[in-house]
N, C-alpha and C. Protein backbone atom coordinates (compact mmCIF):
# COMPACT_ATOMS: atom_id res chain seq x y z
N MET A 1 36.23 22.67 21.59
CA MET A 1 36.26 21.05 21.61
C MET A 1 35.16 20.75 22.04
N GLY A 2 34.16 21.47 23.16
CA GLY A 2 32.99 21.06 23.70
C GLY A 2 31.79 21.22 22.73
N ARG A 3 32.31 22.16 22.07
CA ARG A 3 30.73 22.46 20.93
C ARG A 3 31.05 21.72 19.90
N ARG A 4 32.11 21.06 19.34
CA ARG A 4 32.20 20.22 18.55
C ARG A 4 31.71 18.74 18.88
N LEU A 5 32.06 18.48 19.96
CA LEU A 5 31.90 17.12 20.54
C LEU A 5 30.26 16.95 20.93
N PHE A 6 29.38 18.14 21.16
CA PHE A 6 27.99 18.33 21.10
C PHE A 6 27.60 17.96 19.86
N SER A 7 28.18 18.89 18.74
CA SER A 7 27.72 18.67 17.45
C SER A 7 27.55 17.17 16.92
N VAL A 8 28.46 16.67 17.27
CA VAL A 8 29.02 15.04 16.67
C VAL A 8 27.99 14.14 17.54
N LEU A 9 27.88 14.56 18.82
CA LEU A 9 26.94 13.45 19.63
C LEU A 9 25.32 14.04 19.21
N SER A 10 25.11 15.09 18.95
CA SER A 10 23.64 15.29 18.53
C SER A 10 23.51 14.97 17.29
N GLY A 11 24.14 15.07 16.52
CA GLY A 11 24.15 14.15 14.85
C GLY A 11 23.94 12.83 15.20
N ALA A 12 24.76 12.19 15.85
CA ALA A 12 24.65 10.67 16.23
C ALA A 12 23.20 10.26 17.03
N LEU A 13 22.73 11.38 17.73
CA LEU A 13 21.71 10.70 18.54
C LEU A 13 20.22 10.86 17.51
N LEU A 14 20.38 12.34 16.45
CA LEU A 14 19.56 12.33 15.59
C LEU A 14 19.40 11.09 14.35
N LEU A 15 20.43 11.00 13.88
CA LEU A 15 20.58 9.57 13.11
C LEU A 15 19.92 8.25 13.65
N SER A 16 20.40 8.16 15.07
CA SER A 16 20.11 6.77 15.53
C SER A 16 18.65 6.94 15.65
N GLY A 17 17.88 7.65 15.71
CA GLY A 17 16.27 7.78 15.56
C GLY A 17 15.86 7.60 14.60
N CYS A 18 16.32 7.82 13.26
CA CYS A 18 16.08 7.60 11.93
C CYS A 18 15.91 6.09 11.37
N GLN A 19 14.79 5.59 11.59
CA GLN A 19 14.89 4.24 11.02
C GLN A 19 13.65 3.86 10.21
N SER A 20 13.74 3.25 9.10
CA SER A 20 12.52 3.03 8.40
C SER A 20 11.88 1.58 8.71
N THR A 21 10.88 1.82 9.65
CA THR A 21 10.15 0.79 9.94
C THR A 21 8.78 0.52 9.36
N ALA A 22 8.23 -0.57 8.85
CA ALA A 22 6.79 -0.31 8.37
C ALA A 22 5.95 -0.50 9.62
N PRO A 23 4.86 -0.11 9.33
CA PRO A 23 3.78 -0.06 10.66
C PRO A 23 3.25 -1.36 10.49
N ILE A 24 3.04 -2.02 9.44
CA ILE A 24 2.48 -3.18 9.35
C ILE A 24 3.07 -4.30 10.09
N THR A 25 2.32 -4.55 11.16
CA THR A 25 3.04 -5.74 12.17
C THR A 25 2.83 -6.98 11.68
N SER A 26 1.96 -7.51 11.05
CA SER A 26 1.60 -8.60 10.79
C SER A 26 0.41 -8.93 9.68
N THR A 27 0.66 -9.93 8.89
CA THR A 27 -0.21 -10.70 7.96
C THR A 27 -0.77 -11.64 8.52
N LEU A 28 -2.20 -11.64 9.20
CA LEU A 28 -2.67 -12.39 9.84
C LEU A 28 -3.36 -13.63 8.97
N SER A 29 -3.98 -13.54 7.87
CA SER A 29 -4.81 -14.59 6.94
C SER A 29 -4.83 -14.16 5.96
N GLN A 30 -5.34 -15.00 4.92
CA GLN A 30 -5.68 -14.70 3.55
C GLN A 30 -7.23 -15.51 3.29
N HIS A 31 -7.80 -14.82 2.35
CA HIS A 31 -9.01 -15.60 1.85
C HIS A 31 -9.30 -15.10 0.32
N PRO A 32 -10.13 -15.80 -0.36
CA PRO A 32 -10.60 -15.42 -1.88
C PRO A 32 -11.23 -14.03 -1.47
N VAL A 33 -11.18 -13.02 -2.61
CA VAL A 33 -11.62 -11.86 -2.79
C VAL A 33 -13.47 -12.01 -2.84
N THR A 34 -14.03 -11.40 -1.85
CA THR A 34 -15.60 -11.48 -1.95
C THR A 34 -16.10 -10.40 -2.70
N PRO A 35 -17.52 -10.41 -3.06
CA PRO A 35 -17.99 -9.26 -3.94
C PRO A 35 -18.13 -8.09 -3.01
N ALA A 36 -18.33 -7.73 -2.03
CA ALA A 36 -18.04 -6.46 -1.21
C ALA A 36 -16.78 -5.75 -1.56
N GLU A 37 -15.68 -7.09 -1.35
CA GLU A 37 -14.14 -6.62 -1.55
C GLU A 37 -13.87 -6.07 -2.86
N VAL A 38 -14.62 -6.78 -3.92
CA VAL A 38 -14.66 -6.27 -5.57
C VAL A 38 -15.04 -4.98 -5.47
N ASP A 39 -16.20 -4.77 -4.97
CA ASP A 39 -16.85 -3.60 -5.01
C ASP A 39 -15.72 -2.20 -4.29
N ALA A 40 -15.16 -2.66 -3.44
CA ALA A 40 -14.06 -1.54 -2.58
C ALA A 40 -12.93 -1.36 -3.70
N VAL A 41 -12.67 -2.46 -4.17
CA VAL A 41 -11.21 -2.32 -5.37
C VAL A 41 -11.82 -1.58 -6.51
N VAL A 42 -13.04 -1.70 -7.00
CA VAL A 42 -13.58 -1.09 -8.17
C VAL A 42 -13.57 0.62 -7.84
N TYR A 43 -14.20 0.71 -6.50
CA TYR A 43 -14.29 2.24 -5.90
C TYR A 43 -13.09 2.77 -6.05
N GLY A 44 -12.32 2.17 -5.45
CA GLY A 44 -10.90 2.82 -5.23
C GLY A 44 -9.99 3.14 -6.61
N ILE A 45 -10.32 2.10 -7.59
CA ILE A 45 -9.94 2.64 -9.08
C ILE A 45 -10.83 3.68 -9.53
N GLN A 46 -11.94 3.92 -9.38
CA GLN A 46 -12.61 4.77 -10.01
C GLN A 46 -12.51 6.02 -9.31
N THR A 47 -11.93 6.25 -8.25
CA THR A 47 -11.74 7.53 -7.32
C THR A 47 -10.28 8.06 -7.38
N ASN A 48 -9.57 7.19 -7.59
CA ASN A 48 -8.04 7.42 -7.44
C ASN A 48 -7.11 7.24 -8.83
N PHE A 49 -7.70 6.62 -9.81
CA PHE A 49 -7.03 6.54 -11.09
C PHE A 49 -7.41 7.68 -11.96
N ARG A 50 -6.51 8.15 -12.87
CA ARG A 50 -6.69 9.50 -13.66
C ARG A 50 -7.79 9.40 -14.64
N ASP A 51 -7.54 8.01 -15.09
CA ASP A 51 -8.46 7.35 -16.35
C ASP A 51 -9.06 6.07 -15.89
N PRO A 52 -9.90 6.17 -15.09
CA PRO A 52 -10.14 4.83 -14.41
C PRO A 52 -10.84 3.82 -15.58
N ASN A 53 -11.23 4.28 -16.81
CA ASN A 53 -11.64 3.39 -17.77
C ASN A 53 -10.42 2.90 -18.62
N SER A 54 -9.50 3.15 -18.27
CA SER A 54 -8.19 3.03 -19.09
C SER A 54 -7.53 1.59 -18.22
N ALA A 55 -7.88 1.30 -17.12
CA ALA A 55 -7.33 0.52 -16.23
C ALA A 55 -7.12 -1.00 -16.63
N GLN A 56 -6.16 -1.65 -16.73
CA GLN A 56 -5.88 -2.86 -17.37
C GLN A 56 -5.47 -3.77 -16.41
N ILE A 57 -6.58 -4.42 -15.46
CA ILE A 57 -5.93 -5.29 -14.50
C ILE A 57 -5.41 -6.77 -15.07
N MET A 58 -4.43 -6.75 -14.65
CA MET A 58 -3.82 -8.40 -15.28
C MET A 58 -3.90 -9.32 -14.07
N LYS A 59 -3.93 -8.78 -12.77
CA LYS A 59 -3.75 -9.99 -11.78
C LYS A 59 -4.44 -9.25 -10.45
N THR A 60 -5.26 -10.04 -9.69
CA THR A 60 -5.83 -9.48 -8.51
C THR A 60 -5.22 -10.75 -7.57
N SER A 61 -5.25 -10.11 -6.29
CA SER A 61 -4.41 -11.05 -5.16
C SER A 61 -5.67 -11.66 -4.52
N ARG A 62 -5.26 -12.46 -3.46
CA ARG A 62 -6.30 -12.81 -2.47
C ARG A 62 -6.26 -11.64 -1.64
N THR A 63 -7.43 -11.72 -0.52
CA THR A 63 -7.31 -10.88 0.14
C THR A 63 -6.58 -11.18 1.64
N GLY A 64 -5.93 -10.20 1.95
CA GLY A 64 -5.27 -10.21 3.29
C GLY A 64 -5.54 -9.40 4.27
N LEU A 65 -5.35 -10.05 5.51
CA LEU A 65 -5.89 -9.29 6.63
C LEU A 65 -4.67 -9.08 7.31
N ILE A 66 -4.39 -7.76 7.68
CA ILE A 66 -3.29 -7.10 8.02
C ILE A 66 -3.20 -6.36 9.43
N GLU A 67 -2.41 -6.09 10.12
CA GLU A 67 -2.52 -5.42 11.49
C GLU A 67 -1.52 -4.10 11.33
N ALA A 68 -2.08 -2.98 11.36
CA ALA A 68 -1.13 -1.74 11.10
C ALA A 68 -1.81 -0.74 12.14
N TYR A 69 -0.85 0.02 12.66
CA TYR A 69 -1.06 1.18 13.69
C TYR A 69 -2.19 0.61 14.55
N GLY A 70 -2.08 -0.80 15.15
CA GLY A 70 -2.96 -1.07 16.03
C GLY A 70 -4.35 -1.71 15.69
N GLN A 71 -4.67 -1.64 14.22
CA GLN A 71 -6.04 -1.81 13.76
C GLN A 71 -5.67 -2.85 12.73
N GLN A 72 -6.82 -3.53 12.50
CA GLN A 72 -6.87 -4.46 11.46
C GLN A 72 -7.59 -3.78 10.23
N TYR A 73 -6.86 -4.36 8.97
CA TYR A 73 -7.57 -3.72 7.85
C TYR A 73 -7.45 -5.05 6.76
N LYS A 74 -8.20 -4.99 5.83
CA LYS A 74 -8.21 -6.01 4.42
C LYS A 74 -7.41 -5.30 3.34
N VAL A 75 -6.68 -6.08 2.89
CA VAL A 75 -5.79 -5.52 1.82
C VAL A 75 -5.87 -6.39 0.34
N VAL A 76 -6.07 -5.92 -0.60
CA VAL A 76 -6.36 -6.51 -2.04
C VAL A 76 -5.01 -5.79 -2.62
N CYS A 77 -4.10 -6.56 -3.77
CA CYS A 77 -3.26 -5.98 -4.31
C CYS A 77 -3.80 -6.44 -5.89
N ILE A 78 -3.54 -5.31 -6.82
CA ILE A 78 -3.50 -5.66 -8.11
C ILE A 78 -2.39 -5.19 -8.91
N LEU A 79 -2.34 -5.82 -10.12
CA LEU A 79 -1.15 -5.63 -10.79
C LEU A 79 -1.92 -5.23 -12.13
N ALA A 80 -1.71 -3.87 -12.50
CA ALA A 80 -2.47 -2.88 -13.47
C ALA A 80 -1.65 -1.96 -14.14
N ASN A 81 -2.24 -1.78 -15.36
CA ASN A 81 -1.46 -0.78 -16.20
C ASN A 81 -2.64 0.28 -16.56
N ALA A 82 -2.32 1.56 -16.48
CA ALA A 82 -3.21 2.54 -16.41
C ALA A 82 -2.92 3.83 -17.22
N LYS A 83 -3.59 4.67 -17.95
CA LYS A 83 -3.11 5.73 -18.51
C LYS A 83 -2.64 6.89 -17.43
N ASN A 84 -1.73 7.54 -17.65
CA ASN A 84 -1.64 8.75 -16.74
C ASN A 84 -2.12 10.10 -17.24
N SER A 85 -1.96 11.19 -16.91
CA SER A 85 -2.42 12.33 -17.09
C SER A 85 -2.12 13.10 -18.75
N MET A 86 -0.94 12.36 -19.03
CA MET A 86 -0.53 12.74 -20.62
C MET A 86 -1.33 12.02 -21.44
N GLY A 87 -2.03 10.84 -21.01
CA GLY A 87 -2.61 10.04 -22.01
C GLY A 87 -1.92 8.76 -22.41
N GLY A 88 -0.63 8.62 -21.90
CA GLY A 88 0.09 7.56 -22.08
C GLY A 88 0.24 6.20 -21.13
N TYR A 89 -0.05 5.00 -21.31
CA TYR A 89 0.28 4.01 -20.49
C TYR A 89 1.51 3.87 -19.56
N THR A 90 1.26 3.77 -18.30
CA THR A 90 2.29 3.83 -17.52
C THR A 90 3.41 2.53 -17.43
N GLY A 91 2.59 1.42 -17.71
CA GLY A 91 3.23 -0.09 -17.42
C GLY A 91 2.80 -0.41 -16.42
N LEU A 92 2.90 -1.89 -16.04
CA LEU A 92 2.37 -2.55 -15.03
C LEU A 92 3.02 -2.22 -13.37
N HIS A 93 2.01 -1.85 -12.66
CA HIS A 93 2.32 -1.48 -11.30
C HIS A 93 1.60 -2.25 -10.41
N VAL A 94 2.08 -2.50 -9.30
CA VAL A 94 1.40 -3.34 -8.07
C VAL A 94 0.79 -2.22 -7.24
N THR A 95 -0.37 -2.13 -6.78
CA THR A 95 -1.07 -1.14 -6.18
C THR A 95 -1.87 -1.89 -5.15
N ALA A 96 -1.60 -1.51 -3.73
CA ALA A 96 -2.21 -2.09 -2.69
C ALA A 96 -3.61 -1.31 -2.72
N ILE A 97 -4.71 -1.89 -2.27
CA ILE A 97 -5.75 -1.62 -1.96
C ILE A 97 -6.12 -1.70 -0.60
N TYR A 98 -6.46 -0.67 0.32
CA TYR A 98 -6.75 -1.05 1.92
C TYR A 98 -8.20 -0.68 2.01
N MET A 99 -8.96 -1.66 2.96
CA MET A 99 -10.22 -1.31 3.34
C MET A 99 -10.49 -1.67 4.72
N THR A 100 -11.44 -1.23 5.39
CA THR A 100 -11.71 -1.48 6.45
C THR A 100 -12.20 -3.10 6.66
N MET A 101 -12.42 -3.51 8.00
CA MET A 101 -12.88 -4.80 7.98
C MET A 101 -14.22 -4.91 7.58
N ASP A 102 -15.00 -3.94 7.40
CA ASP A 102 -16.52 -4.19 6.55
C ASP A 102 -16.38 -4.01 5.06
N SER A 103 -15.34 -3.98 4.56
CA SER A 103 -15.13 -3.74 3.10
C SER A 103 -15.25 -2.53 2.71
N LYS A 104 -15.13 -1.21 3.45
CA LYS A 104 -15.04 0.00 2.66
C LYS A 104 -13.92 0.34 2.43
N PHE A 105 -13.77 0.82 1.25
CA PHE A 105 -12.28 1.47 0.88
C PHE A 105 -12.04 2.52 1.94
N ARG A 106 -10.33 2.32 1.88
CA ARG A 106 -9.87 2.97 3.02
C ARG A 106 -8.97 3.89 2.41
N SER A 107 -7.90 3.25 1.60
CA SER A 107 -6.88 4.15 0.76
C SER A 107 -6.23 3.04 -0.13
N MET A 108 -5.27 3.58 -1.17
CA MET A 108 -4.39 2.67 -1.82
C MET A 108 -3.08 3.44 -2.28
N GLY A 109 -2.29 2.84 -2.62
CA GLY A 109 -1.21 3.35 -2.95
C GLY A 109 0.24 2.16 -3.68
N THR A 110 1.04 2.70 -4.10
CA THR A 110 2.33 2.01 -4.74
C THR A 110 3.29 2.23 -3.79
N THR A 111 3.21 2.25 -2.47
CA THR A 111 4.23 2.57 -1.65
C THR A 111 5.22 1.43 -1.15
N GLU A 112 5.93 1.67 -0.28
CA GLU A 112 6.75 0.57 0.25
C GLU A 112 5.90 -0.36 0.88
N TYR A 113 4.78 -0.21 1.55
CA TYR A 113 3.98 -1.18 2.03
C TYR A 113 3.38 -2.09 1.15
N SER A 114 3.17 -1.67 -0.15
CA SER A 114 2.61 -2.56 -1.07
C SER A 114 3.69 -3.27 -1.61
N THR A 115 4.96 -2.92 -1.59
CA THR A 115 5.76 -3.94 -1.80
C THR A 115 6.18 -5.04 -0.74
N THR A 116 5.88 -4.69 0.64
CA THR A 116 5.98 -5.46 1.48
C THR A 116 5.16 -6.58 1.59
N VAL A 117 3.58 -5.96 1.48
CA VAL A 117 2.28 -6.96 1.64
C VAL A 117 2.12 -7.72 0.41
N CYS A 118 2.04 -7.16 -0.83
CA CYS A 118 1.66 -7.82 -1.87
C CYS A 118 2.35 -8.94 -2.35
N PRO A 119 3.53 -8.98 -2.30
CA PRO A 119 4.08 -10.20 -2.82
C PRO A 119 3.72 -11.47 -1.82
N LEU A 120 3.18 -11.38 -0.75
CA LEU A 120 2.71 -12.43 0.15
C LEU A 120 1.35 -12.56 -0.19
N LEU A 121 0.65 -11.85 -0.80
CA LEU A 121 -0.90 -12.42 -1.40
C LEU A 121 -0.75 -12.94 -2.83
N PHE A 122 0.02 -12.61 -3.61
CA PHE A 122 0.02 -13.17 -4.98
C PHE A 122 0.21 -14.49 -5.15
């Protein structure tokens, strides 16, 4: 009985610690994309897409200022279609491109964070 109760309580304790919280704490403001930010977006596409020349950007968001992990970042979202490693187009996907406050490329992705932040910027 004691061992089973311990197992149940341990499992409940472990599960209670599992929550999916986005590290983005706030969207501070928005502004039109600057030339330096466009350069960061282009750099992100050139260094992260399998075939950067195939990228068909349909829409670009405004630049958002966010706070994540206690630091401020800029984010620009793009709606793009690009080729995969097999040479076929993947369809339109929203991708968030994160950069430092001085508009240097930081990272990009189509994660849950891009689905949280990008709808606010388009």
